[in-house]
N, C-alpha and C. Protein backbone atom coordinates (compact mmCIF):
# COMPACT_ATOMS: atom_id res chain seq x y z
N MET A 1 2.69 -10.90 -15.16
CA MET A 1 2.36 -11.52 -16.44
C MET A 1 1.52 -10.56 -17.26
N VAL A 2 1.96 -10.24 -18.47
CA VAL A 2 1.29 -9.27 -19.33
C VAL A 2 0.48 -10.02 -20.37
N LEU A 3 -0.81 -9.70 -20.46
CA LEU A 3 -1.67 -10.33 -21.43
C LEU A 3 -1.53 -9.66 -22.78
N ASN A 4 -1.72 -10.42 -23.84
CA ASN A 4 -1.72 -9.84 -25.16
C ASN A 4 -3.02 -9.08 -25.37
N PRO A 5 -3.11 -8.25 -26.42
CA PRO A 5 -4.33 -7.46 -26.63
C PRO A 5 -5.59 -8.30 -26.73
N SER A 6 -5.51 -9.46 -27.38
CA SER A 6 -6.71 -10.28 -27.49
C SER A 6 -7.15 -10.80 -26.13
N GLY A 7 -6.19 -11.18 -25.29
CA GLY A 7 -6.53 -11.63 -23.94
C GLY A 7 -7.12 -10.52 -23.10
N GLN A 8 -6.59 -9.31 -23.25
CA GLN A 8 -7.15 -8.19 -22.52
C GLN A 8 -8.57 -7.89 -22.96
N ARG A 9 -8.82 -7.95 -24.27
CA ARG A 9 -10.18 -7.71 -24.75
C ARG A 9 -11.13 -8.78 -24.26
N ARG A 10 -10.68 -10.03 -24.24
CA ARG A 10 -11.54 -11.12 -23.78
C ARG A 10 -11.88 -10.96 -22.31
N ASN A 11 -10.89 -10.60 -21.49
CA ASN A 11 -11.17 -10.39 -20.07
C ASN A 11 -12.09 -9.21 -19.85
N ARG A 12 -11.92 -8.15 -20.64
CA ARG A 12 -12.79 -6.99 -20.50
C ARG A 12 -14.22 -7.33 -20.88
N CYS A 13 -14.38 -8.11 -21.93
CA CYS A 13 -15.73 -8.52 -22.35
C CYS A 13 -16.38 -9.40 -21.28
N GLN A 14 -15.62 -10.30 -20.69
CA GLN A 14 -16.17 -11.14 -19.64
C GLN A 14 -16.62 -10.33 -18.44
N LEU A 15 -15.83 -9.33 -18.06
CA LEU A 15 -16.22 -8.48 -16.95
C LEU A 15 -17.47 -7.68 -17.26
N GLU A 16 -17.56 -7.15 -18.49
CA GLU A 16 -18.74 -6.37 -18.86
C GLU A 16 -19.99 -7.24 -18.90
N ILE A 17 -19.88 -8.44 -19.42
CA ILE A 17 -21.04 -9.33 -19.46
C ILE A 17 -21.49 -9.70 -18.05
N THR A 18 -20.52 -10.02 -17.18
CA THR A 18 -20.86 -10.36 -15.80
C THR A 18 -21.52 -9.18 -15.09
N TRP A 19 -20.99 -7.99 -15.30
CA TRP A 19 -21.56 -6.80 -14.67
C TRP A 19 -22.98 -6.52 -15.16
N CYS A 20 -23.23 -6.78 -16.43
CA CYS A 20 -24.58 -6.56 -16.96
C CYS A 20 -25.56 -7.63 -16.48
N LEU A 21 -25.09 -8.84 -16.23
CA LEU A 21 -25.99 -9.91 -15.80
C LEU A 21 -26.30 -9.86 -14.31
N LEU A 22 -25.48 -9.17 -13.51
CA LEU A 22 -25.73 -9.14 -12.07
C LEU A 22 -27.09 -8.53 -11.72
N PRO A 23 -27.50 -7.37 -12.29
CA PRO A 23 -28.83 -6.86 -11.95
C PRO A 23 -29.94 -7.82 -12.33
N ALA A 24 -29.78 -8.51 -13.46
CA ALA A 24 -30.82 -9.46 -13.86
C ALA A 24 -30.92 -10.62 -12.87
N LEU A 25 -29.79 -11.05 -12.34
CA LEU A 25 -29.82 -12.13 -11.36
C LEU A 25 -30.48 -11.69 -10.06
N PHE A 26 -30.30 -10.40 -9.72
CA PHE A 26 -30.91 -9.91 -8.50
C PHE A 26 -32.42 -9.71 -8.65
N THR A 27 -32.84 -9.24 -9.81
CA THR A 27 -34.24 -8.86 -9.99
C THR A 27 -35.09 -10.00 -10.52
N LEU A 28 -34.50 -11.07 -11.05
CA LEU A 28 -35.30 -12.16 -11.60
C LEU A 28 -36.17 -12.83 -10.55
N PRO A 29 -35.65 -13.18 -9.37
CA PRO A 29 -36.54 -13.78 -8.38
C PRO A 29 -37.61 -12.83 -7.90
N ALA A 30 -37.32 -11.52 -7.90
CA ALA A 30 -38.32 -10.56 -7.43
C ALA A 30 -39.50 -10.48 -8.39
N ARG A 31 -39.26 -10.64 -9.68
CA ARG A 31 -40.36 -10.57 -10.64
C ARG A 31 -41.30 -11.76 -10.50
N GLN A 32 -40.79 -12.86 -9.95
CA GLN A 32 -41.62 -14.03 -9.79
C GLN A 32 -42.51 -13.94 -8.55
N ARG A 33 -42.36 -12.94 -7.74
CA ARG A 33 -43.15 -12.80 -6.52
C ARG A 33 -44.45 -12.06 -6.87
N SER A 34 -45.52 -12.46 -6.25
CA SER A 34 -46.82 -11.88 -6.54
C SER A 34 -47.18 -10.77 -5.57
N ASN A 35 -46.63 -10.80 -4.36
CA ASN A 35 -46.95 -9.80 -3.36
C ASN A 35 -46.17 -8.52 -3.63
N PRO A 36 -46.85 -7.38 -3.86
CA PRO A 36 -46.10 -6.14 -4.18
C PRO A 36 -45.20 -5.68 -3.05
N SER A 37 -45.66 -5.77 -1.80
CA SER A 37 -44.83 -5.31 -0.69
C SER A 37 -43.59 -6.18 -0.55
N GLU A 38 -43.75 -7.47 -0.73
CA GLU A 38 -42.60 -8.36 -0.65
C GLU A 38 -41.63 -8.10 -1.79
N ARG A 39 -42.18 -7.82 -2.99
CA ARG A 39 -41.32 -7.53 -4.12
C ARG A 39 -40.56 -6.23 -3.90
N ASN A 40 -41.22 -5.21 -3.35
CA ASN A 40 -40.53 -3.94 -3.08
C ASN A 40 -39.44 -4.12 -2.03
N ARG A 41 -39.74 -4.92 -0.99
CA ARG A 41 -38.73 -5.15 0.03
C ARG A 41 -37.53 -5.89 -0.55
N TYR A 42 -37.79 -6.82 -1.45
CA TYR A 42 -36.69 -7.56 -2.08
C TYR A 42 -35.86 -6.65 -2.97
N ASN A 43 -36.53 -5.75 -3.70
CA ASN A 43 -35.80 -4.80 -4.55
C ASN A 43 -34.94 -3.86 -3.71
N ASN A 44 -35.47 -3.43 -2.56
CA ASN A 44 -34.68 -2.56 -1.69
C ASN A 44 -33.44 -3.28 -1.16
N ASN A 45 -33.62 -4.55 -0.79
CA ASN A 45 -32.47 -5.32 -0.32
C ASN A 45 -31.43 -5.49 -1.42
N CYS A 46 -31.91 -5.71 -2.65
CA CYS A 46 -30.97 -5.85 -3.77
C CYS A 46 -30.23 -4.55 -4.03
N SER A 47 -30.93 -3.41 -3.88
CA SER A 47 -30.26 -2.12 -4.08
C SER A 47 -29.19 -1.90 -3.02
N LEU A 48 -29.51 -2.23 -1.76
CA LEU A 48 -28.51 -2.09 -0.71
C LEU A 48 -27.33 -3.02 -0.95
N LEU A 49 -27.62 -4.24 -1.42
CA LEU A 49 -26.54 -5.18 -1.72
C LEU A 49 -25.65 -4.66 -2.84
N SER A 50 -26.25 -4.02 -3.84
CA SER A 50 -25.47 -3.46 -4.94
C SER A 50 -24.57 -2.33 -4.46
N VAL A 51 -25.11 -1.46 -3.57
CA VAL A 51 -24.31 -0.36 -3.03
C VAL A 51 -23.16 -0.90 -2.19
N ASP A 52 -23.44 -1.90 -1.35
CA ASP A 52 -22.37 -2.50 -0.55
C ASP A 52 -21.31 -3.14 -1.44
N ALA A 53 -21.74 -3.77 -2.53
CA ALA A 53 -20.77 -4.38 -3.45
C ALA A 53 -19.90 -3.32 -4.11
N ASP A 54 -20.50 -2.17 -4.49
CA ASP A 54 -19.72 -1.09 -5.09
C ASP A 54 -18.68 -0.55 -4.10
N ILE A 55 -19.10 -0.35 -2.84
CA ILE A 55 -18.16 0.15 -1.84
C ILE A 55 -17.04 -0.86 -1.61
N GLY A 56 -17.40 -2.15 -1.59
CA GLY A 56 -16.38 -3.18 -1.42
C GLY A 56 -15.40 -3.21 -2.58
N LEU A 57 -15.89 -3.00 -3.81
CA LEU A 57 -14.99 -2.98 -4.96
C LEU A 57 -14.05 -1.79 -4.91
N VAL A 58 -14.54 -0.63 -4.45
CA VAL A 58 -13.69 0.55 -4.33
C VAL A 58 -12.59 0.30 -3.30
N ARG A 59 -12.97 -0.28 -2.16
CA ARG A 59 -11.96 -0.58 -1.13
C ARG A 59 -10.94 -1.60 -1.64
N GLN A 60 -11.44 -2.60 -2.34
CA GLN A 60 -10.53 -3.64 -2.82
C GLN A 60 -9.56 -3.08 -3.85
N SER A 61 -10.05 -2.24 -4.76
CA SER A 61 -9.15 -1.68 -5.78
C SER A 61 -8.13 -0.75 -5.14
N THR A 62 -8.52 0.02 -4.11
CA THR A 62 -7.57 0.89 -3.42
C THR A 62 -6.50 0.07 -2.71
N ALA A 63 -6.92 -0.99 -2.04
CA ALA A 63 -5.94 -1.85 -1.36
C ALA A 63 -5.02 -2.54 -2.36
N ASP A 64 -5.58 -2.97 -3.50
CA ASP A 64 -4.75 -3.64 -4.52
C ASP A 64 -3.66 -2.72 -5.05
N ILE A 65 -4.03 -1.49 -5.38
CA ILE A 65 -3.03 -0.59 -5.96
C ILE A 65 -1.97 -0.22 -4.94
N CYS A 66 -2.34 -0.12 -3.66
CA CYS A 66 -1.33 0.17 -2.63
C CYS A 66 -0.37 -1.00 -2.47
N ILE A 67 -0.90 -2.22 -2.46
CA ILE A 67 -0.04 -3.40 -2.30
C ILE A 67 0.87 -3.56 -3.51
N LEU A 68 0.33 -3.37 -4.73
CA LEU A 68 1.14 -3.51 -5.93
C LEU A 68 2.21 -2.43 -6.02
N THR A 69 1.88 -1.21 -5.59
CA THR A 69 2.87 -0.13 -5.61
C THR A 69 4.02 -0.43 -4.65
N ALA A 70 3.68 -0.89 -3.44
CA ALA A 70 4.73 -1.24 -2.48
C ALA A 70 5.57 -2.41 -2.99
N SER A 71 4.93 -3.40 -3.60
CA SER A 71 5.68 -4.53 -4.14
C SER A 71 6.61 -4.10 -5.26
N ALA A 72 6.14 -3.23 -6.15
CA ALA A 72 6.99 -2.75 -7.24
C ALA A 72 8.16 -1.93 -6.72
N ASN A 73 7.92 -1.13 -5.69
CA ASN A 73 9.01 -0.35 -5.11
C ASN A 73 10.10 -1.24 -4.52
N ILE A 74 9.67 -2.31 -3.85
CA ILE A 74 10.65 -3.19 -3.20
C ILE A 74 11.41 -4.01 -4.25
N THR A 75 10.69 -4.60 -5.20
CA THR A 75 11.35 -5.49 -6.16
C THR A 75 12.14 -4.74 -7.22
N ARG A 76 11.59 -3.65 -7.76
CA ARG A 76 12.27 -2.93 -8.84
C ARG A 76 13.23 -1.88 -8.32
N ASP A 77 12.75 -1.03 -7.40
CA ASP A 77 13.57 0.10 -6.96
C ASP A 77 14.65 -0.29 -5.96
N VAL A 78 14.41 -1.36 -5.20
CA VAL A 78 15.38 -1.76 -4.19
C VAL A 78 16.18 -2.98 -4.65
N TYR A 79 15.50 -4.09 -4.91
CA TYR A 79 16.20 -5.34 -5.20
C TYR A 79 16.91 -5.28 -6.56
N GLN A 80 16.17 -4.90 -7.61
CA GLN A 80 16.78 -4.92 -8.95
C GLN A 80 17.81 -3.79 -9.12
N ARG A 81 17.55 -2.65 -8.55
CA ARG A 81 18.46 -1.52 -8.77
C ARG A 81 19.72 -1.61 -7.93
N TYR A 82 19.60 -2.05 -6.66
CA TYR A 82 20.74 -1.97 -5.76
C TYR A 82 21.34 -3.34 -5.44
N LEU A 83 20.53 -4.38 -5.37
CA LEU A 83 21.03 -5.68 -4.89
C LEU A 83 21.39 -6.64 -6.02
N ASN A 84 20.54 -6.75 -7.04
CA ASN A 84 20.78 -7.73 -8.11
C ASN A 84 20.32 -7.16 -9.45
N PRO A 85 21.15 -6.32 -10.06
CA PRO A 85 20.73 -5.72 -11.34
C PRO A 85 20.54 -6.73 -12.47
N GLN A 86 21.18 -7.88 -12.39
CA GLN A 86 21.09 -8.88 -13.46
C GLN A 86 20.01 -9.94 -13.19
N VAL A 87 19.05 -9.64 -12.38
CA VAL A 87 18.02 -10.61 -12.04
C VAL A 87 17.18 -10.95 -13.27
N SER A 88 16.80 -12.21 -13.39
CA SER A 88 16.00 -12.64 -14.54
C SER A 88 14.54 -12.22 -14.35
N PRO A 89 13.79 -12.06 -15.44
CA PRO A 89 12.37 -11.68 -15.32
C PRO A 89 11.55 -12.70 -14.54
N GLU A 90 11.87 -13.99 -14.69
CA GLU A 90 11.12 -15.02 -13.96
C GLU A 90 11.33 -14.88 -12.45
N ARG A 91 12.57 -14.69 -12.04
CA ARG A 91 12.85 -14.52 -10.60
C ARG A 91 12.24 -13.23 -10.08
N LEU A 92 12.27 -12.18 -10.88
CA LEU A 92 11.67 -10.92 -10.46
C LEU A 92 10.16 -11.05 -10.30
N LEU A 93 9.53 -11.83 -11.18
CA LEU A 93 8.09 -12.06 -11.07
C LEU A 93 7.75 -12.83 -9.80
N ARG A 94 8.55 -13.88 -9.50
CA ARG A 94 8.31 -14.64 -8.27
C ARG A 94 8.50 -13.77 -7.04
N MET A 95 9.52 -12.92 -7.07
CA MET A 95 9.76 -12.04 -5.93
C MET A 95 8.64 -11.04 -5.77
N SER A 96 8.08 -10.54 -6.87
CA SER A 96 6.99 -9.58 -6.78
C SER A 96 5.74 -10.22 -6.18
N VAL A 97 5.49 -11.50 -6.54
CA VAL A 97 4.34 -12.21 -5.96
C VAL A 97 4.53 -12.41 -4.46
N LEU A 98 5.71 -12.88 -4.06
CA LEU A 98 5.98 -13.08 -2.64
C LEU A 98 5.96 -11.77 -1.87
N THR A 99 6.48 -10.72 -2.48
CA THR A 99 6.47 -9.41 -1.82
C THR A 99 5.05 -8.90 -1.66
N SER A 100 4.21 -9.11 -2.67
CA SER A 100 2.81 -8.70 -2.56
C SER A 100 2.11 -9.44 -1.42
N LEU A 101 2.39 -10.73 -1.29
CA LEU A 101 1.80 -11.50 -0.19
C LEU A 101 2.28 -10.98 1.16
N ALA A 102 3.58 -10.67 1.26
CA ALA A 102 4.12 -10.17 2.52
C ALA A 102 3.54 -8.80 2.86
N VAL A 103 3.45 -7.92 1.87
CA VAL A 103 2.89 -6.59 2.11
C VAL A 103 1.41 -6.69 2.48
N GLY A 104 0.68 -7.58 1.81
CA GLY A 104 -0.72 -7.77 2.16
C GLY A 104 -0.90 -8.28 3.57
N ALA A 105 -0.05 -9.23 3.98
CA ALA A 105 -0.12 -9.73 5.36
C ALA A 105 0.21 -8.64 6.37
N LEU A 106 1.22 -7.82 6.05
CA LEU A 106 1.57 -6.71 6.93
C LEU A 106 0.44 -5.69 7.02
N ALA A 107 -0.20 -5.41 5.87
CA ALA A 107 -1.33 -4.48 5.88
C ALA A 107 -2.50 -5.02 6.69
N ALA A 108 -2.76 -6.34 6.58
CA ALA A 108 -3.83 -6.94 7.37
C ALA A 108 -3.51 -6.87 8.86
N LEU A 109 -2.24 -7.09 9.22
CA LEU A 109 -1.84 -6.98 10.63
C LEU A 109 -2.00 -5.55 11.14
N MET A 110 -1.62 -4.57 10.32
CA MET A 110 -1.79 -3.17 10.73
C MET A 110 -3.26 -2.82 10.88
N ALA A 111 -4.10 -3.30 9.96
CA ALA A 111 -5.53 -3.02 10.06
C ALA A 111 -6.14 -3.68 11.29
N TRP A 112 -5.59 -4.83 11.68
CA TRP A 112 -6.10 -5.52 12.86
C TRP A 112 -5.67 -4.82 14.14
N GLN A 113 -4.42 -4.35 14.17
CA GLN A 113 -3.91 -3.70 15.37
C GLN A 113 -4.34 -2.24 15.46
N LEU A 114 -4.34 -1.54 14.33
CA LEU A 114 -4.70 -0.12 14.31
C LEU A 114 -6.09 0.02 13.70
N GLN A 115 -7.10 -0.26 14.46
CA GLN A 115 -8.47 -0.18 13.96
C GLN A 115 -9.00 1.24 14.10
N ASP A 116 -8.20 2.17 13.62
CA ASP A 116 -8.55 3.58 13.70
C ASP A 116 -7.95 4.27 12.47
N VAL A 117 -8.81 4.87 11.66
CA VAL A 117 -8.34 5.52 10.44
C VAL A 117 -7.40 6.67 10.76
N ILE A 118 -7.70 7.43 11.81
CA ILE A 118 -6.85 8.56 12.19
C ILE A 118 -5.47 8.07 12.62
N GLY A 119 -5.42 6.94 13.34
CA GLY A 119 -4.13 6.39 13.74
C GLY A 119 -3.29 5.94 12.56
N ILE A 120 -3.95 5.32 11.56
CA ILE A 120 -3.22 4.89 10.37
C ILE A 120 -2.72 6.10 9.57
N LEU A 121 -3.57 7.12 9.44
CA LEU A 121 -3.14 8.34 8.74
C LEU A 121 -2.00 9.02 9.49
N LEU A 122 -2.08 9.04 10.81
CA LEU A 122 -1.00 9.66 11.59
C LEU A 122 0.31 8.92 11.39
N LEU A 123 0.25 7.58 11.35
CA LEU A 123 1.48 6.81 11.10
C LEU A 123 2.04 7.11 9.72
N GLY A 124 1.17 7.19 8.70
CA GLY A 124 1.63 7.49 7.36
C GLY A 124 2.26 8.87 7.25
N PHE A 125 1.64 9.87 7.87
CA PHE A 125 2.20 11.23 7.82
C PHE A 125 3.48 11.32 8.63
N THR A 126 3.58 10.54 9.72
CA THR A 126 4.82 10.52 10.49
C THR A 126 5.97 9.96 9.67
N VAL A 127 5.70 8.86 8.94
CA VAL A 127 6.72 8.27 8.07
C VAL A 127 7.14 9.27 7.00
N ASN A 128 6.17 9.92 6.36
CA ASN A 128 6.50 10.89 5.30
C ASN A 128 7.33 12.05 5.86
N SER A 129 6.94 12.56 7.01
CA SER A 129 7.65 13.72 7.57
C SER A 129 9.06 13.35 8.00
N ALA A 130 9.20 12.20 8.67
CA ALA A 130 10.52 11.83 9.19
C ALA A 130 11.46 11.38 8.08
N ALA A 131 10.94 10.63 7.10
CA ALA A 131 11.82 10.03 6.09
C ALA A 131 12.14 10.97 4.94
N LEU A 132 11.22 11.83 4.57
CA LEU A 132 11.41 12.63 3.35
C LEU A 132 11.89 14.05 3.61
N PHE A 133 11.90 14.50 4.86
CA PHE A 133 12.23 15.90 5.12
C PHE A 133 13.68 16.21 4.77
N ILE A 134 14.62 15.44 5.30
CA ILE A 134 16.05 15.72 5.07
C ILE A 134 16.43 15.56 3.60
N PRO A 135 16.08 14.45 2.91
CA PRO A 135 16.43 14.36 1.49
C PRO A 135 15.78 15.44 0.63
N SER A 136 14.54 15.79 0.93
CA SER A 136 13.88 16.85 0.16
C SER A 136 14.55 18.19 0.38
N LEU A 137 14.92 18.45 1.62
CA LEU A 137 15.62 19.71 1.93
C LEU A 137 16.96 19.78 1.21
N ALA A 138 17.69 18.67 1.20
CA ALA A 138 18.98 18.65 0.52
C ALA A 138 18.83 18.82 -0.99
N MET A 139 17.79 18.22 -1.55
CA MET A 139 17.59 18.31 -3.00
C MET A 139 17.26 19.74 -3.43
N VAL A 140 16.55 20.47 -2.57
CA VAL A 140 16.13 21.83 -2.93
C VAL A 140 17.24 22.85 -2.71
N TYR A 141 17.99 22.73 -1.61
CA TYR A 141 18.90 23.80 -1.21
C TYR A 141 20.38 23.51 -1.47
N PHE A 142 20.69 22.27 -1.87
CA PHE A 142 22.10 21.94 -2.11
C PHE A 142 22.27 21.50 -3.55
N SER A 143 23.36 21.94 -4.16
CA SER A 143 23.60 21.59 -5.55
C SER A 143 24.11 20.16 -5.70
N ARG A 144 24.80 19.65 -4.70
CA ARG A 144 25.33 18.29 -4.73
C ARG A 144 24.67 17.47 -3.62
N TRP A 145 24.06 16.42 -4.03
CA TRP A 145 23.45 15.50 -3.06
C TRP A 145 23.51 14.09 -3.64
N ASN A 146 23.54 13.11 -2.77
CA ASN A 146 23.77 11.73 -3.16
C ASN A 146 22.45 10.96 -3.14
N ALA A 147 22.13 10.33 -4.28
CA ALA A 147 20.87 9.58 -4.38
C ALA A 147 20.90 8.34 -3.49
N ASP A 148 22.05 7.66 -3.40
CA ASP A 148 22.15 6.49 -2.54
C ASP A 148 21.96 6.87 -1.07
N ALA A 149 22.54 7.98 -0.68
CA ALA A 149 22.37 8.44 0.70
C ALA A 149 20.90 8.77 0.98
N ALA A 150 20.23 9.37 0.02
CA ALA A 150 18.81 9.68 0.20
C ALA A 150 17.98 8.41 0.33
N PHE A 151 18.29 7.41 -0.48
CA PHE A 151 17.53 6.16 -0.43
C PHE A 151 17.69 5.47 0.92
N TRP A 152 18.91 5.31 1.37
CA TRP A 152 19.14 4.62 2.64
C TRP A 152 18.66 5.45 3.82
N SER A 153 18.71 6.75 3.69
CA SER A 153 18.16 7.61 4.74
C SER A 153 16.65 7.41 4.88
N ILE A 154 15.95 7.35 3.75
CA ILE A 154 14.50 7.13 3.79
C ILE A 154 14.18 5.74 4.33
N SER A 155 14.93 4.74 3.90
CA SER A 155 14.67 3.36 4.33
C SER A 155 14.90 3.19 5.83
N CYS A 156 16.02 3.70 6.33
CA CYS A 156 16.31 3.56 7.75
C CYS A 156 15.32 4.34 8.61
N SER A 157 14.92 5.50 8.14
CA SER A 157 13.93 6.27 8.88
C SER A 157 12.58 5.55 8.92
N LEU A 158 12.20 4.93 7.80
CA LEU A 158 10.96 4.16 7.77
C LEU A 158 10.99 3.02 8.79
N LEU A 159 12.07 2.25 8.80
CA LEU A 159 12.18 1.15 9.75
C LEU A 159 12.20 1.65 11.19
N THR A 160 12.84 2.80 11.42
CA THR A 160 12.89 3.36 12.77
C THR A 160 11.50 3.76 13.26
N VAL A 161 10.73 4.41 12.41
CA VAL A 161 9.38 4.83 12.80
C VAL A 161 8.49 3.63 13.09
N ILE A 162 8.58 2.60 12.24
CA ILE A 162 7.76 1.40 12.46
C ILE A 162 8.17 0.69 13.75
N ALA A 163 9.49 0.51 13.96
CA ALA A 163 9.95 -0.16 15.17
C ALA A 163 9.59 0.65 16.42
N TRP A 164 9.70 1.96 16.34
CA TRP A 164 9.37 2.82 17.48
C TRP A 164 7.87 2.75 17.79
N THR A 165 7.05 2.71 16.76
CA THR A 165 5.60 2.62 16.97
C THR A 165 5.22 1.29 17.61
N ILE A 166 5.87 0.20 17.17
CA ILE A 166 5.60 -1.11 17.78
C ILE A 166 6.06 -1.13 19.23
N ALA A 167 7.25 -0.56 19.50
CA ALA A 167 7.76 -0.54 20.88
C ALA A 167 6.86 0.28 21.79
N ALA A 168 6.24 1.33 21.27
CA ALA A 168 5.35 2.16 22.08
C ALA A 168 4.11 1.40 22.52
N ARG A 169 3.73 0.36 21.79
CA ARG A 169 2.55 -0.44 22.14
C ARG A 169 2.89 -1.62 23.05
N LEU A 170 4.16 -1.82 23.33
CA LEU A 170 4.59 -2.91 24.19
C LEU A 170 5.01 -2.38 25.55
N ASP A 171 5.00 -3.26 26.52
CA ASP A 171 5.45 -2.89 27.86
C ASP A 171 6.98 -3.05 27.96
N GLY A 172 7.57 -2.23 28.79
CA GLY A 172 9.00 -2.34 29.00
C GLY A 172 9.83 -1.39 28.17
N PHE A 173 9.19 -0.50 27.42
CA PHE A 173 9.92 0.47 26.60
C PHE A 173 9.41 1.87 26.92
N PRO A 174 9.75 2.41 28.09
CA PRO A 174 9.23 3.73 28.46
C PRO A 174 9.74 4.85 27.56
N PHE A 175 10.95 4.67 27.00
CA PHE A 175 11.49 5.71 26.13
C PHE A 175 10.69 5.85 24.84
N ALA A 176 9.93 4.80 24.46
CA ALA A 176 9.18 4.82 23.21
C ALA A 176 7.93 5.68 23.30
N GLN A 177 7.66 6.26 24.47
CA GLN A 177 6.51 7.15 24.58
C GLN A 177 6.75 8.47 23.84
N LEU A 178 8.01 8.75 23.54
CA LEU A 178 8.30 9.91 22.70
C LEU A 178 7.76 9.68 21.30
N ASP A 179 7.27 10.73 20.67
CA ASP A 179 6.69 10.59 19.33
C ASP A 179 7.72 10.03 18.36
N ALA A 180 7.26 9.09 17.51
CA ALA A 180 8.17 8.42 16.58
C ALA A 180 8.75 9.35 15.53
N LEU A 181 8.21 10.55 15.37
CA LEU A 181 8.73 11.49 14.38
C LEU A 181 10.18 11.86 14.68
N TRP A 182 10.50 12.09 15.95
CA TRP A 182 11.83 12.61 16.28
C TRP A 182 12.94 11.58 16.10
N PRO A 183 12.81 10.35 16.58
CA PRO A 183 13.87 9.38 16.27
C PRO A 183 13.98 9.07 14.78
N GLY A 184 12.84 9.05 14.08
CA GLY A 184 12.91 8.83 12.64
C GLY A 184 13.63 9.96 11.92
N LEU A 185 13.37 11.18 12.34
CA LEU A 185 14.04 12.34 11.74
C LEU A 185 15.52 12.34 12.06
N LEU A 186 15.88 11.96 13.30
CA LEU A 186 17.28 11.92 13.69
C LEU A 186 18.04 10.86 12.90
N VAL A 187 17.46 9.66 12.76
CA VAL A 187 18.10 8.60 11.99
C VAL A 187 18.26 9.01 10.53
N SER A 188 17.24 9.64 9.97
CA SER A 188 17.32 10.09 8.58
C SER A 188 18.46 11.08 8.39
N MET A 189 18.60 12.02 9.31
CA MET A 189 19.66 13.02 9.18
C MET A 189 21.04 12.40 9.33
N LEU A 190 21.21 11.51 10.33
CA LEU A 190 22.51 10.89 10.55
C LEU A 190 22.93 10.02 9.37
N VAL A 191 22.00 9.22 8.85
CA VAL A 191 22.34 8.34 7.73
C VAL A 191 22.65 9.16 6.48
N PHE A 192 21.85 10.19 6.23
CA PHE A 192 22.06 10.99 5.02
C PHE A 192 23.38 11.73 5.06
N VAL A 193 23.69 12.36 6.19
CA VAL A 193 24.93 13.13 6.30
C VAL A 193 26.14 12.20 6.26
N SER A 194 26.06 11.06 6.95
CA SER A 194 27.19 10.13 6.98
C SER A 194 27.50 9.57 5.60
N LEU A 195 26.47 9.08 4.90
CA LEU A 195 26.70 8.50 3.57
C LEU A 195 27.11 9.56 2.56
N SER A 196 26.58 10.77 2.70
CA SER A 196 26.98 11.84 1.79
C SER A 196 28.45 12.20 1.98
N ARG A 197 28.92 12.19 3.23
CA ARG A 197 30.34 12.49 3.48
C ARG A 197 31.23 11.36 2.98
N LEU A 198 30.78 10.09 3.18
CA LEU A 198 31.61 8.97 2.75
C LEU A 198 31.72 8.88 1.24
N LYS A 199 30.65 9.23 0.52
CA LYS A 199 30.64 9.12 -0.92
C LYS A 199 30.85 10.45 -1.62
N ALA A 200 31.37 11.43 -0.88
CA ALA A 200 31.64 12.73 -1.50
C ALA A 200 32.80 12.61 -2.46
N PRO A 201 32.72 13.30 -3.62
CA PRO A 201 33.80 13.22 -4.62
C PRO A 201 35.06 13.92 -4.12
């Protein structure tokens, strides 16, 4: 939903007023205290609370932009472009909301299971390396390459890496101890080459 300029200005003014009033709300009770040491301790607590709030806002805005980017990629780049080009704006808006909820739930599940920043970064770099290597190589070194083949190659490689990573955390899948990069790279190459051959002019 896109706000008109007047609505955007009104929301911006409300945010600025709220942001300006927050320090006053924190410091007003402290001014009413007569004990200097107690007042200083209260001011220190308010300063720490303000820093924690700033860090929380930075984390929230980073998470929001990641969720919205993933939702836009799924609804616009996948659903509208390949599956239903004639989709109405109302249906596309509903799908974007549902997709954002699904992506947020998936991100919360990943954060719960992978409580390690290095592990999350490793998964992200594995997906990038496995899914983007073959299409990027073809785009640079070959004059003819198929965009549809590149898209499905990236998508299948992404699903392969995620499924392989989940299988590695479960019992009964000894083959999944192999790094997820290699099956993802193999799937990407097979899908890209196969679709490029099928859709060759």
